[in-house]
Amino acid sequence: MLTWKDVIHFSLNGNPEPDRRVEKSAAEWREILTSEQFRITRNKGTEAAHSGELCGIHEAGLYNCVCCNEPLFDSTIKFESGTGWPSFTQPIKENVIKYIRDTSYGMVRVEVLCNCCDGHLGHVFPDGPKPSGLRYCINSESMKLQPTTTI
């Protein structure tokens, strides 16, 4: 289980190697993403609080990167943070998230990217529920839900 100490270590000393890499030009990303998805994932934008489609969804499944379809989070670790963005306590695997120190807007935060394609997802904070204490605050436009099929 990742902790805040691990997050800080990765942001300062380098991230784990991803299982695969997806690299495209800006033009190629524009072809497959909506303008809002491109603004958020490729230009480090954010959506307004409580506006994202995935905020109130609680279906079973995987939350995949909208850019490269890499599985990032499992619905079993999603929680209601009250912040207005989908929130998770852990990534699906240690090496699917890239951590970057972010000093924009006069504060110090840790930005999270898809480690496969470098798509901006949101930020992680040390104020989540136990046992990890982490809150991955993720833009809905950065993900797509792949529902779990039940037999």
Protein backbone atom coordinates (compact mmCIF):
# COMPACT_ATOMS: atom_id res chain seq x y z
CA MET A 1 0.00 0.00 0.00
CA LEU A 2 1.32 3.41 -0.98
CA THR A 3 1.60 6.11 1.67
CA TRP A 4 2.31 9.85 1.58
CA LYS A 5 5.98 9.06 2.24
CA ASP A 6 6.06 6.94 -0.95
CA VAL A 7 4.34 9.70 -2.96
CA ILE A 8 6.89 12.29 -1.83
CA HIS A 9 9.75 9.89 -2.53
CA PHE A 10 8.55 9.31 -6.10
CA SER A 11 7.97 13.03 -6.72
CA LEU A 12 11.51 13.88 -5.58
CA ASN A 13 13.54 10.85 -6.68
CA GLY A 14 11.82 9.50 -9.79
CA ASN A 15 8.81 7.35 -10.56
CA PRO A 16 8.55 3.59 -11.07
CA GLU A 17 8.85 2.38 -14.67
CA PRO A 18 5.48 1.84 -16.35
CA ASP A 19 4.63 -1.51 -17.94
CA ARG A 20 4.25 0.25 -21.31
CA ARG A 21 4.55 3.71 -22.88
CA VAL A 22 2.16 5.44 -25.28
CA GLU A 23 3.48 8.55 -27.01
CA LYS A 24 1.58 10.64 -29.55
CA SER A 25 1.90 14.10 -31.02
CA ALA A 26 -0.51 16.85 -29.97
CA ALA A 27 -2.29 16.42 -33.32
CA GLU A 28 -2.71 12.69 -32.71
CA TRP A 29 -4.11 13.31 -29.20
CA ARG A 30 -6.56 15.89 -30.62
CA GLU A 31 -7.87 13.27 -33.04
CA ILE A 32 -8.88 10.85 -30.29
CA LEU A 33 -9.86 13.19 -27.42
CA THR A 34 -12.69 15.68 -27.04
CA SER A 35 -11.59 19.31 -26.70
CA GLU A 36 -12.28 19.17 -22.93
CA GLN A 37 -10.37 15.91 -22.49
CA PHE A 38 -7.45 17.40 -24.42
CA ARG A 39 -7.51 20.61 -22.35
CA ILE A 40 -7.41 18.66 -19.09
CA THR A 41 -5.13 15.73 -19.91
CA ARG A 42 -2.66 17.30 -22.31
CA ASN A 43 -2.68 20.93 -21.04
CA LYS A 44 -3.01 20.22 -17.29
CA GLY A 45 -6.46 21.74 -16.96
CA THR A 46 -9.16 21.01 -14.41
CA GLU A 47 -12.91 20.71 -14.48
CA ALA A 48 -15.23 22.66 -12.21
CA ALA A 49 -16.01 20.97 -8.89
CA HIS A 50 -19.12 18.76 -8.93
CA SER A 51 -19.35 18.96 -12.75
CA GLY A 52 -17.70 15.68 -13.72
CA GLU A 53 -19.79 12.78 -14.95
CA LEU A 54 -17.86 10.22 -12.86
CA CYS A 55 -18.23 12.11 -9.59
CA GLY A 56 -21.47 10.46 -8.48
CA ILE A 57 -21.11 7.11 -10.25
CA HIS A 58 -20.57 4.09 -8.01
CA GLU A 59 -20.73 1.19 -10.46
CA ALA A 60 -18.27 -1.66 -10.09
CA GLY A 61 -15.41 -1.47 -12.55
CA LEU A 62 -12.07 0.00 -13.46
CA TYR A 63 -11.31 3.65 -14.07
CA ASN A 64 -9.01 3.76 -17.10
CA CYS A 65 -7.00 6.64 -18.55
CA VAL A 66 -9.12 8.34 -21.23
CA CYS A 67 -6.02 8.81 -23.40
CA CYS A 68 -4.39 5.38 -23.46
CA ASN A 69 -6.94 3.11 -21.69
CA GLU A 70 -4.43 2.12 -18.97
CA PRO A 71 -6.32 0.88 -15.86
CA LEU A 72 -5.63 3.38 -13.05
CA PHE A 73 -8.12 2.91 -10.21
CA ASP A 74 -10.59 0.26 -9.07
CA SER A 75 -14.10 1.24 -8.01
CA THR A 76 -13.60 -0.59 -4.70
CA ILE A 77 -11.23 2.16 -3.51
CA LYS A 78 -13.34 5.10 -4.66
CA PHE A 79 -14.81 7.23 -1.86
CA GLU A 80 -16.89 10.36 -1.34
CA SER A 81 -14.46 13.09 -0.35
CA GLY A 82 -16.93 15.96 -0.66
CA THR A 83 -14.45 17.86 -2.86
CA GLY A 84 -16.41 17.61 -6.10
CA TRP A 85 -14.01 15.30 -7.94
CA PRO A 86 -13.82 11.50 -8.01
CA SER A 87 -11.52 10.42 -5.18
CA PHE A 88 -9.55 7.23 -4.66
CA THR A 89 -7.25 5.92 -1.92
CA GLN A 90 -4.81 3.90 -4.06
CA PRO A 91 -3.92 3.31 -7.70
CA ILE A 92 -4.57 -0.15 -9.11
CA LYS A 93 -0.78 -0.76 -9.28
CA GLU A 94 2.17 1.21 -7.94
CA ASN A 95 3.61 1.96 -11.38
CA VAL A 96 0.49 3.31 -13.17
CA ILE A 97 0.74 6.80 -11.65
CA LYS A 98 3.53 9.36 -12.15
CA TYR A 99 4.06 11.91 -9.34
CA ILE A 100 5.28 15.45 -10.08
CA ARG A 101 5.98 18.23 -7.58
CA ASP A 102 3.62 21.10 -8.49
CA THR A 103 4.33 24.61 -7.22
CA SER A 104 1.74 26.44 -9.34
CA TYR A 105 -0.77 28.86 -7.82
CA GLY A 106 1.53 29.70 -4.87
CA MET A 107 1.23 26.30 -3.18
CA VAL A 108 3.07 22.99 -3.12
CA ARG A 109 1.07 19.98 -4.30
CA VAL A 110 1.75 16.66 -5.98
CA GLU A 111 0.36 16.36 -9.49
CA VAL A 112 -0.58 12.89 -10.72
CA LEU A 113 -0.22 11.79 -14.35
CA CYS A 114 -0.87 8.53 -16.14
CA ASN A 115 2.58 6.91 -16.07
CA CYS A 116 1.88 5.27 -19.44
CA CYS A 117 1.06 8.37 -21.53
CA ASP A 118 1.75 11.37 -19.23
CA GLY A 119 -1.90 12.46 -19.31
CA HIS A 120 -2.73 14.87 -16.47
CA LEU A 121 -5.17 13.27 -14.01
CA GLY A 122 -5.28 15.62 -11.02
CA HIS A 123 -3.48 15.74 -7.67
CA VAL A 124 -2.91 13.55 -4.62
CA PHE A 125 -3.21 14.81 -1.04
CA PRO A 126 -2.38 13.33 2.40
CA ASP A 127 -5.90 13.85 3.81
CA GLY A 128 -7.64 10.67 2.69
CA PRO A 129 -9.14 7.88 4.80
CA LYS A 130 -7.15 5.22 6.61
CA PRO A 131 -5.27 3.03 6.12
CA SER A 132 -3.33 4.85 3.33
CA GLY A 133 -4.34 8.39 4.23
CA LEU A 134 -4.19 9.28 0.52
CA ARG A 135 -6.79 11.13 -1.55
CA TYR A 136 -6.26 10.96 -5.30
CA CYS A 137 -8.42 13.84 -6.56
CA ILE A 138 -9.00 13.04 -10.24
CA ASN A 139 -10.73 14.87 -13.08
CA SER A 140 -13.65 12.89 -14.55
CA GLU A 141 -12.56 13.97 -18.03
CA SER A 142 -9.24 12.16 -17.48
CA MET A 143 -10.87 8.76 -17.03
CA LYS A 144 -13.44 6.41 -18.44
CA LEU A 145 -15.24 3.74 -16.44
CA GLN A 146 -14.94 0.19 -17.69
CA PRO A 147 -17.80 -1.56 -15.85
CA THR A 148 -17.22 -5.00 -14.42
CA THR A 149 -19.33 -7.56 -16.21
CA THR A 150 -21.25 -9.90 -13.97
CA ILE A 151 -22.32 -13.36 -15.05
